[in-house]
Every structure is written in C-alpha cells, then in structure tokens.
Amino acid sequence: MKICVNKEIFLETISKVTNVINPRSNLPILSNVLVEAVGSKMKLTATDLDIGITTQIQTTVNEPGAITIPAKRFFEIIKELPEGDIRIVVKKNNSIHIESNDCFFKLMGLPKEEFPKLPDFKNKDVLKFNQATLLSMLELTSFAVSHDETRYVLNGILFETNGQNLTLVATDGRRLALISKDIISKGPGKNEHFIVPTKAIQELMRALRQSEEDVNFVLTENQALFEIGNTSIVSRLIEGGFPNYKQVIPVDNPYNARLERLVFLSALRRASLLTTTDYQTVRLELFKDKMVISKSTPDVGESREEIPMQYQGKEMVIGFNPYYLVEVLKNLRVPEVCLEFSDPEKPALLKEGDYLYVVLPMRI
C-alpha cells in the first residue's frame, strides 16, 4: 500500500474513529485502526466490538492495500508531523513507513485479516432524518441518561419509530426527557423500538453537524447503523425492555409558571454553588409575580434571590436538585420556559413544543 494525504485532512479523519478504541482492551487488534486504500479513497475503521466507526476521504492512492496500525501512536505521530503531505507506505512483514518532509517514522502493524468485520446492513429498510434536527433531539435527551450500571436498560436512549415520526426518550429514574419529530422519508410503517447505548450516542453527536443533509439509519435485530456523509457508525443495541415512560408523565398539572430561561438558569447556577453531596436541594418559593430561589447548607452558607415570574396557581414551596434543571435549561434554545406543577411532592413538567421534561422534586 502506498498513499499520499494532506496532514490536516488526515488528522481530522483519524480523530473521528479513534474515540471508540478502548485502550484497556485485551485484544491487541482492537487497539489498531484499519487503513484501507482502493481507487482514489482511503477508508479508516475502528471498533471495540460494541461500536464501530468507518470514515473515508479522497486521497492519492499509488498502490492499493490494507493494514492495521496502532491507533494512539499513529494519531500522535500524524499530529506532530509538519504541515503538508504525508506519505504512508506498507512494506513486507507489516512494516509501515510514515514520511513528511524530512521526518520519518516506522511502525509495526497487524494484517487486515485479524481485524473484526463490521456487520452487513444490505437489503434493510432505510429511514432518513435531518442532521441538525437529530443533533438537537440528542442534545435535549442525552444528559438524562442513567450512568448506573445496575440499571443497564437506562444506559442509553430509547428510539421509537412507526415510519412516520421518531421519538427519543432518556431517563435515570429521577428525571425523564422526551422529544418527537417527523421523519423526512416515510418508512414502511413498522413500529420499531431500540435502545442505543451512551457511547454510541456520544459518537453520533460528534459526527452530526448543524446541516440540512440527511442521516440514514438502518436497524437489525440487535444492531443499528447510522450513516452521516462519509462516516458510518455501527452500534450494538441494549437488550431488554425500556420502562413504560408514559406512566410517569404527569397529565394533570393545574399550576404553571413562565420564566425567562437565562434568568432562571443563572439564578439556579448561583444557588447550586452552595450545594454539597449531602445537601443538594434548592428551595423554590412560587408567588404570583416572582420566584424566590434559596439555598441553605449547614457549615457552608446560604443564599437567596428573587426573579420575576408569571405564575397561575396557589403559593407553593418545592425543592429540586438544581443540576436537573440547569442541564435542561442550558440545552433549550427558547427565550422563555413554562414549568407545570400540581403538588410539592409530585413531578414537575417542562413543556416546549414536541419536548417534555419531567423532574422529580426533593425533600426540603
């Protein structure tokens, strides 16, 4: 294999795939990136067996071929090479020569045959979705995913589609985020439910852009494929049944408060400065035209702040973990938010168009 590629383009490309590599893997081949050159394209692939990423770029291929290269060291070498073109030549015995200007490196690789093959998704139904829309949906749900490994089915985002629209749901048992949007190309109309794990979600969000271009996704029994431009992400799905999230969405919230999002966000961030592991709750007092946000922590201090609010309902005092509100407020892109309440001991609901966010109160 002999190729010549621009450093800047190559560095951007290899950085897309190396994030999935597990440095603690017991299989040496999984620490490598597969480099394939054919025609006028170079394709890079990395996997940890749960998730795989493939991306390709146009380049000069003087001699086709394939090799796997230690990913971390390869990336660091490319990063430190001088600007300009890089020449990569594979010699006998899996020896890789890397040259740029007067710089020369030699690395030892492993043959392509040892690298795991990613699954085939041919002849499967394809759904198309707008990149910017899917990215926005993930930003509004991914922070609510559980990181408790004992509740494995909650360690990802639930995707639901009937061929007409797509719904994403994430929960950690103390809050729940849900958003639903129409699909660009109508599918076969089948009801599909699958849970995409957190690591795949993170890689998907890195690959997505604020673009009007489409994302293609294909589903098999236990794996999903996302195609974004020249990049493909394949992920194993989380097995198991996602909880019936519809049961926890409040349907009767007679009281509602409308606040300026950034004002509310800033006040909660200030109150959270006095939280500790043992004293997380921030106190919200709801009056007709204002909200009083206060925090008192023994041996630390206390704070109190009033912010304007339009409120319809009885006066109420309710406590929340401020981080659960901060995370949703910083990801929304609206000037105002509306919170709905029914009781200080029952979940509050934030609604914004097709988006729902449920958060449980805490004892004051």
Protein backbone atom coordinates (compact mmCIF):
# COMPACT_ATOMS: atom_id res chain seq x y z
CA MET A 1 0.00 0.00 0.00
CA LYS A 2 1.24 3.47 -0.94
CA ILE A 3 -0.76 6.63 -0.29
CA CYS A 4 -0.20 10.36 -0.06
CA VAL A 5 -2.56 12.50 2.01
CA ASN A 6 -2.74 16.03 3.37
CA LYS A 7 -1.93 16.16 7.10
CA GLU A 8 -4.80 18.47 8.11
CA ILE A 9 -7.43 16.40 6.32
CA PHE A 10 -5.98 13.12 7.56
CA LEU A 11 -5.78 14.30 11.18
CA GLU A 12 -9.43 15.34 11.14
CA THR A 13 -10.41 11.99 9.63
CA ILE A 14 -8.47 9.77 12.01
CA SER A 15 -9.76 11.70 15.03
CA LYS A 16 -13.31 10.66 14.05
CA VAL A 17 -12.58 6.97 14.56
CA THR A 18 -10.06 6.75 17.43
CA ASN A 19 -12.53 7.81 20.14
CA VAL A 20 -14.18 4.37 20.13
CA ILE A 21 -10.95 2.47 20.81
CA ASN A 22 -10.70 1.02 24.31
CA PRO A 23 -7.06 1.38 25.50
CA ARG A 24 -7.63 -1.35 28.09
CA SER A 25 -8.70 -4.00 25.59
CA ASN A 26 -7.13 -7.44 26.00
CA LEU A 27 -7.12 -7.93 22.22
CA PRO A 28 -4.18 -6.08 20.59
CA ILE A 29 -6.01 -5.83 17.26
CA LEU A 30 -8.72 -3.67 18.89
CA SER A 31 -6.06 -1.05 19.71
CA ASN A 32 -5.43 -0.66 15.99
CA VAL A 33 -7.16 1.32 13.27
CA LEU A 34 -7.77 -0.41 9.95
CA VAL A 35 -6.47 1.63 7.00
CA GLU A 36 -7.66 0.58 3.54
CA ALA A 37 -6.71 2.23 0.24
CA VAL A 38 -8.52 1.48 -3.00
CA GLY A 39 -9.26 3.53 -6.11
CA SER A 40 -8.92 7.15 -5.05
CA LYS A 41 -10.18 6.70 -1.47
CA MET A 42 -8.75 5.83 1.91
CA LYS A 43 -11.05 4.26 4.50
CA LEU A 44 -10.37 4.17 8.25
CA THR A 45 -12.19 1.81 10.64
CA ALA A 46 -12.02 1.35 14.43
CA THR A 47 -14.09 -0.79 16.79
CA ASP A 48 -14.34 -2.03 20.37
CA LEU A 49 -16.78 -4.79 19.30
CA ASP A 50 -19.74 -2.86 20.75
CA ILE A 51 -19.40 0.14 18.47
CA GLY A 52 -17.57 0.59 15.18
CA ILE A 53 -16.87 3.70 13.12
CA THR A 54 -15.84 3.88 9.47
CA THR A 55 -14.98 7.04 7.57
CA GLN A 56 -13.35 7.71 4.22
CA ILE A 57 -11.70 10.55 2.30
CA GLN A 58 -10.44 11.23 -1.20
CA THR A 59 -6.68 10.81 -1.44
CA THR A 60 -3.87 9.82 -3.77
CA VAL A 61 -3.53 6.03 -3.88
CA ASN A 62 -0.37 4.95 -5.66
CA GLU A 63 -0.75 1.33 -4.64
CA PRO A 64 -3.91 -0.18 -3.08
CA GLY A 65 -3.76 -2.27 0.07
CA ALA A 66 -4.78 -2.55 3.72
CA ILE A 67 -3.09 -2.70 7.13
CA THR A 68 -3.99 -2.12 10.79
CA ILE A 69 -1.89 0.41 12.69
CA PRO A 70 -1.64 1.09 16.48
CA ALA A 71 -4.18 3.90 16.67
CA LYS A 72 -2.98 6.01 19.59
CA ARG A 73 0.65 6.14 18.50
CA PHE A 74 -0.33 6.63 14.85
CA PHE A 75 -2.56 9.58 15.75
CA GLU A 76 0.14 11.19 17.91
CA ILE A 77 2.71 10.86 15.11
CA ILE A 78 0.40 12.39 12.50
CA LYS A 79 -0.44 15.21 14.91
CA GLU A 80 3.22 16.16 15.43
CA LEU A 81 4.33 15.93 11.80
CA PRO A 82 4.99 19.20 9.93
CA GLU A 83 2.27 20.69 7.75
CA GLY A 84 1.91 19.38 4.21
CA ASP A 85 1.55 15.98 2.57
CA ILE A 86 2.19 12.69 4.38
CA ARG A 87 3.36 9.57 2.56
CA ILE A 88 2.44 6.19 4.04
CA VAL A 89 3.98 3.03 2.63
CA VAL A 90 3.38 -0.53 3.85
CA LYS A 91 6.40 -2.81 3.45
CA LYS A 92 6.80 -6.54 3.98
CA ASN A 93 6.16 -8.05 7.42
CA ASN A 94 3.50 -5.37 8.18
CA SER A 95 6.08 -2.60 8.49
CA ILE A 96 4.61 0.88 7.98
CA HIS A 97 6.77 3.81 6.85
CA ILE A 98 5.45 7.32 7.51
CA GLU A 99 7.23 10.27 5.89
CA SER A 100 6.68 14.04 5.78
CA ASN A 101 9.34 16.47 4.56
CA ASP A 102 12.49 15.35 6.42
CA CYS A 103 10.62 13.35 9.09
CA PHE A 104 10.48 9.55 9.05
CA PHE A 105 8.71 7.07 11.33
CA LYS A 106 8.41 3.31 11.20
CA LEU A 107 5.63 1.42 12.96
CA MET A 108 4.72 -2.26 13.11
CA GLY A 109 1.13 -3.13 12.23
CA LEU A 110 -1.05 -6.22 12.09
CA PRO A 111 -2.64 -7.76 8.98
CA LYS A 112 -6.14 -6.79 7.92
CA GLU A 113 -7.38 -10.38 8.29
CA GLU A 114 -7.16 -10.19 12.09
CA PHE A 115 -9.45 -7.13 12.27
CA PRO A 116 -13.12 -7.82 13.18
CA LYS A 117 -15.58 -7.39 10.33
CA LEU A 118 -18.41 -4.93 10.85
CA PRO A 119 -21.93 -6.30 10.17
CA ASP A 120 -23.62 -6.04 6.78
CA PHE A 121 -26.76 -3.90 6.54
CA LYS A 122 -27.63 -4.55 2.89
CA ASN A 123 -31.27 -5.02 1.86
CA LYS A 124 -32.58 -3.36 5.03
CA ASP A 125 -35.14 -0.57 5.32
CA VAL A 126 -33.53 2.88 5.50
CA LEU A 127 -35.00 5.88 7.34
CA LYS A 128 -33.77 9.40 6.64
CA PHE A 129 -33.58 12.22 9.15
CA ASN A 130 -32.27 15.77 9.11
CA GLN A 131 -28.82 16.07 10.73
CA ALA A 132 -29.44 19.33 12.61
CA THR A 133 -32.79 18.10 13.90
CA LEU A 134 -31.40 14.79 15.17
CA LEU A 135 -28.49 16.58 16.84
CA SER A 136 -30.89 18.92 18.62
CA MET A 137 -33.01 15.95 19.77
CA LEU A 138 -29.95 14.20 21.18
CA GLU A 139 -28.78 17.35 22.97
CA LEU A 140 -32.17 17.61 24.69
CA THR A 141 -32.23 13.99 25.86
CA SER A 142 -28.68 12.59 26.25
CA PHE A 143 -28.00 14.35 29.57
CA ALA A 144 -30.88 12.46 31.21
CA VAL A 145 -29.37 9.01 30.51
CA SER A 146 -28.58 6.91 33.57
CA HIS A 147 -24.96 6.01 34.39
CA ASP A 148 -25.95 3.39 36.96
CA GLU A 149 -24.66 0.11 35.51
CA THR A 150 -27.11 -1.89 37.63
CA ARG A 151 -29.93 -0.39 35.53
CA TYR A 152 -28.44 -1.32 32.20
CA VAL A 153 -31.53 -0.65 30.06
CA LEU A 154 -31.40 3.00 31.15
CA ASN A 155 -27.76 3.41 29.99
CA GLY A 156 -28.89 4.65 26.58
CA ILE A 157 -31.60 6.48 24.65
CA LEU A 158 -34.79 4.77 23.53
CA PHE A 159 -35.56 5.29 19.82
CA GLU A 160 -39.17 4.71 18.77
CA THR A 161 -40.44 5.00 15.21
CA ASN A 162 -43.51 3.94 13.27
CA GLY A 163 -42.13 5.06 9.92
CA GLN A 164 -43.79 8.47 10.29
CA ASN A 165 -42.04 10.07 13.25
CA LEU A 166 -39.15 9.48 15.61
CA THR A 167 -39.35 9.72 19.41
CA LEU A 168 -36.31 9.76 21.70
CA VAL A 169 -36.62 9.06 25.44
CA ALA A 170 -33.99 9.08 28.18
CA THR A 171 -34.35 8.69 31.94
CA ASP A 172 -32.27 7.97 35.03
CA GLY A 173 -35.27 7.38 37.30
CA ARG A 174 -35.24 10.92 38.72
CA ARG A 175 -35.92 12.83 35.51
CA LEU A 176 -37.13 11.99 32.03
CA ALA A 177 -36.59 13.75 28.70
CA LEU A 178 -38.74 13.06 25.62
CA ILE A 179 -38.84 14.62 22.16
CA SER A 180 -40.67 13.64 18.98
CA LYS A 181 -40.20 14.82 15.36
CA ASP A 182 -41.41 13.82 11.91
CA ILE A 183 -39.14 11.64 9.76
CA ILE A 184 -38.07 13.07 6.37
CA SER A 185 -38.70 9.97 4.28
CA LYS A 186 -41.63 7.85 5.32
CA GLY A 187 -40.64 4.30 6.15
CA PRO A 188 -42.55 1.03 5.86
CA GLY A 189 -44.71 1.92 8.84
CA LYS A 190 -43.37 -0.73 11.20
CA ASN A 191 -43.20 0.07 14.92
CA GLU A 192 -39.57 -0.14 15.97
CA HIS A 193 -38.18 0.20 19.50
CA PHE A 194 -34.46 0.07 20.21
CA ILE A 195 -32.07 1.41 22.85
CA VAL A 196 -28.81 2.98 21.65
CA PRO A 197 -26.06 2.93 24.35
CA THR A 198 -24.43 6.09 25.66
CA LYS A 199 -21.07 5.60 23.95
CA ALA A 200 -22.72 5.33 20.53
CA ILE A 201 -24.82 8.41 21.30
CA GLN A 202 -21.65 10.38 22.12
CA GLU A 203 -20.00 9.35 18.85
CA LEU A 204 -23.17 10.11 16.92
CA MET A 205 -23.30 13.62 18.40
CA ARG A 206 -19.64 14.19 17.47
CA ALA A 207 -20.34 13.18 13.87
CA LEU A 208 -23.55 15.16 13.39
CA ARG A 209 -23.45 18.75 12.13
CA GLN A 210 -25.83 21.69 12.01
CA SER A 211 -26.58 20.69 8.45
CA GLU A 212 -29.62 20.21 6.24
CA GLU A 213 -28.09 16.97 4.96
CA ASP A 214 -29.69 13.68 5.91
CA VAL A 215 -28.75 10.95 8.35
CA ASN A 216 -29.61 7.43 7.19
CA PHE A 217 -30.27 4.83 9.84
CA VAL A 218 -30.81 1.13 9.42
CA LEU A 219 -31.90 -1.36 12.07
CA THR A 220 -31.33 -5.09 12.52
CA GLU A 221 -32.34 -7.30 15.43
CA ASN A 222 -29.52 -6.22 17.74
CA GLN A 223 -27.55 -3.54 15.88
CA ALA A 224 -28.10 -0.15 14.29
CA LEU A 225 -26.26 1.69 11.54
CA PHE A 226 -26.09 5.50 11.26
CA GLU A 227 -24.68 6.97 8.04
CA ILE A 228 -23.62 10.62 8.17
CA GLY A 229 -21.91 11.77 4.99
CA ASN A 230 -18.72 9.71 4.60
CA THR A 231 -18.93 8.38 8.16
CA SER A 232 -20.78 5.27 9.33
CA ILE A 233 -21.41 4.34 12.97
CA VAL A 234 -22.45 0.80 13.85
CA SER A 235 -23.59 0.04 17.38
CA ARG A 236 -24.84 -2.94 19.33
CA LEU A 237 -28.20 -2.21 20.90
CA ILE A 238 -29.03 -2.57 24.58
CA GLU A 239 -31.12 -5.67 25.13
CA GLY A 240 -34.05 -5.56 27.50
CA GLY A 241 -37.32 -3.72 27.90
CA PHE A 242 -37.31 0.04 28.47
CA PRO A 243 -39.70 1.08 31.29
CA ASN A 244 -43.17 2.34 30.36
CA TYR A 245 -42.22 6.01 30.37
CA LYS A 246 -45.75 7.19 29.60
CA GLN A 247 -46.83 6.23 33.11
CA VAL A 248 -44.55 8.83 34.73
CA ILE A 249 -45.53 11.82 32.56
CA PRO A 250 -47.90 14.00 34.63
CA VAL A 251 -51.22 14.59 32.91
CA ASP A 252 -52.88 16.92 35.41
CA ASN A 253 -50.80 19.97 36.35
CA PRO A 254 -53.16 22.86 37.17
CA TYR A 255 -50.43 25.37 38.10
CA ASN A 256 -47.93 26.83 35.66
CA ALA A 257 -45.02 29.25 35.93
CA ARG A 258 -43.47 31.15 33.00
CA LEU A 259 -39.91 32.42 33.41
CA GLU A 260 -37.14 33.88 31.30
CA ARG A 261 -34.87 30.91 30.61
CA LEU A 262 -31.48 32.62 31.02
CA VAL A 263 -32.55 34.48 34.18
CA PHE A 264 -33.81 31.24 35.73
CA LEU A 265 -30.69 29.36 34.61
CA SER A 266 -28.30 31.94 36.11
CA ALA A 267 -30.16 32.04 39.43
CA LEU A 268 -30.09 28.24 39.74
CA ARG A 269 -26.38 28.15 38.95
CA ARG A 270 -25.70 30.68 41.70
CA ALA A 271 -27.79 28.73 44.21
CA SER A 272 -26.01 25.49 43.28
CA LEU A 273 -22.69 26.98 44.41
CA LEU A 274 -23.68 26.14 47.99
CA THR A 275 -24.76 22.55 47.37
CA THR A 276 -22.86 19.59 48.77
CA THR A 277 -23.22 15.85 48.35
CA ASP A 278 -25.37 15.67 51.48
CA TYR A 279 -27.29 18.91 50.87
CA GLN A 280 -28.28 19.13 47.21
CA THR A 281 -31.80 20.52 47.38
CA VAL A 282 -32.50 24.09 46.31
CA ARG A 283 -35.71 25.68 47.58
CA LEU A 284 -38.13 27.34 45.13
CA GLU A 285 -40.93 29.53 46.52
CA LEU A 286 -43.65 30.34 44.00
CA PHE A 287 -45.61 33.59 44.30
CA LYS A 288 -47.89 35.38 41.85
CA ASP A 289 -45.25 37.56 40.22
CA LYS A 290 -41.93 36.19 41.49
CA MET A 291 -39.95 33.10 42.39
CA VAL A 292 -37.62 33.06 45.38
CA ILE A 293 -34.68 30.71 44.94
CA SER A 294 -32.78 29.96 48.13
CA LYS A 295 -30.20 27.55 49.44
CA SER A 296 -29.03 26.94 53.00
CA THR A 297 -26.26 24.46 53.75
CA PRO A 298 -25.03 23.82 57.33
CA ASP A 299 -21.39 24.87 57.88
CA VAL A 300 -21.25 26.30 54.33
CA GLY A 301 -23.62 29.25 54.00
CA GLU A 302 -26.86 30.41 52.47
CA SER A 303 -28.20 32.37 49.51
CA ARG A 304 -31.48 33.96 48.44
CA GLU A 305 -32.54 35.51 45.14
CA GLU A 306 -35.79 36.78 43.64
CA ILE A 307 -36.55 36.55 39.93
CA PRO A 308 -39.68 37.71 38.05
CA MET A 309 -42.24 35.11 37.07
CA GLN A 310 -45.75 34.86 35.68
CA TYR A 311 -47.49 32.28 37.83
CA GLN A 312 -51.01 30.89 37.85
CA GLY A 313 -51.70 28.78 40.89
CA LYS A 314 -51.51 28.62 44.65
CA GLU A 315 -48.39 29.71 46.51
CA MET A 316 -46.08 26.76 46.85
CA VAL A 317 -42.66 25.74 48.15
CA ILE A 318 -40.90 22.95 46.28
CA GLY A 319 -37.35 21.59 46.27
CA PHE A 320 -35.21 20.35 43.37
CA ASN A 321 -31.72 19.19 42.64
CA PRO A 322 -30.62 22.33 40.75
CA TYR A 323 -28.45 20.38 38.30
CA TYR A 324 -31.50 18.58 36.93
CA LEU A 325 -32.98 21.94 35.98
CA VAL A 326 -29.70 23.55 34.89
CA GLU A 327 -28.99 20.79 32.36
CA VAL A 328 -32.29 21.16 30.55
CA LEU A 329 -32.28 24.96 30.65
CA LYS A 330 -28.81 25.29 29.14
CA ASN A 331 -29.73 23.00 26.22
CA LEU A 332 -33.02 24.66 25.30
CA ARG A 333 -32.92 27.47 22.73
CA VAL A 334 -36.02 29.44 23.69
CA PRO A 335 -36.35 32.80 25.49
CA GLU A 336 -38.95 31.56 27.98
CA VAL A 337 -39.85 28.28 29.64
CA CYS A 338 -43.04 27.06 31.24
CA LEU A 339 -42.98 24.77 34.28
CA GLU A 340 -46.14 22.96 35.34
CA PHE A 341 -46.84 21.81 38.90
CA SER A 342 -49.56 20.03 40.82
CA ASP A 343 -48.07 19.41 44.26
CA PRO A 344 -44.72 19.91 46.07
CA GLU A 345 -44.32 16.13 46.30
CA LYS A 346 -45.22 15.29 42.69
CA PRO A 347 -43.14 15.62 39.50
CA ALA A 348 -42.91 18.94 37.71
CA LEU A 349 -43.25 19.13 33.93
CA LEU A 350 -41.48 21.39 31.45
CA LYS A 351 -43.15 21.52 28.03
CA GLU A 352 -41.81 23.16 24.89
CA GLY A 353 -43.48 22.14 21.62
CA ASP A 354 -42.67 18.48 20.97
CA TYR A 355 -40.36 18.34 24.00
CA LEU A 356 -41.24 17.13 27.50
CA TYR A 357 -39.02 17.09 30.58
CA VAL A 358 -40.21 15.52 33.82
CA VAL A 359 -38.26 16.09 37.05
CA LEU A 360 -38.93 14.70 40.50
CA PRO A 361 -38.88 17.08 43.47
CA MET A 362 -36.66 16.55 46.52
CA ARG A 363 -37.45 16.76 50.19
CA ILE A 364 -36.73 20.22 51.60
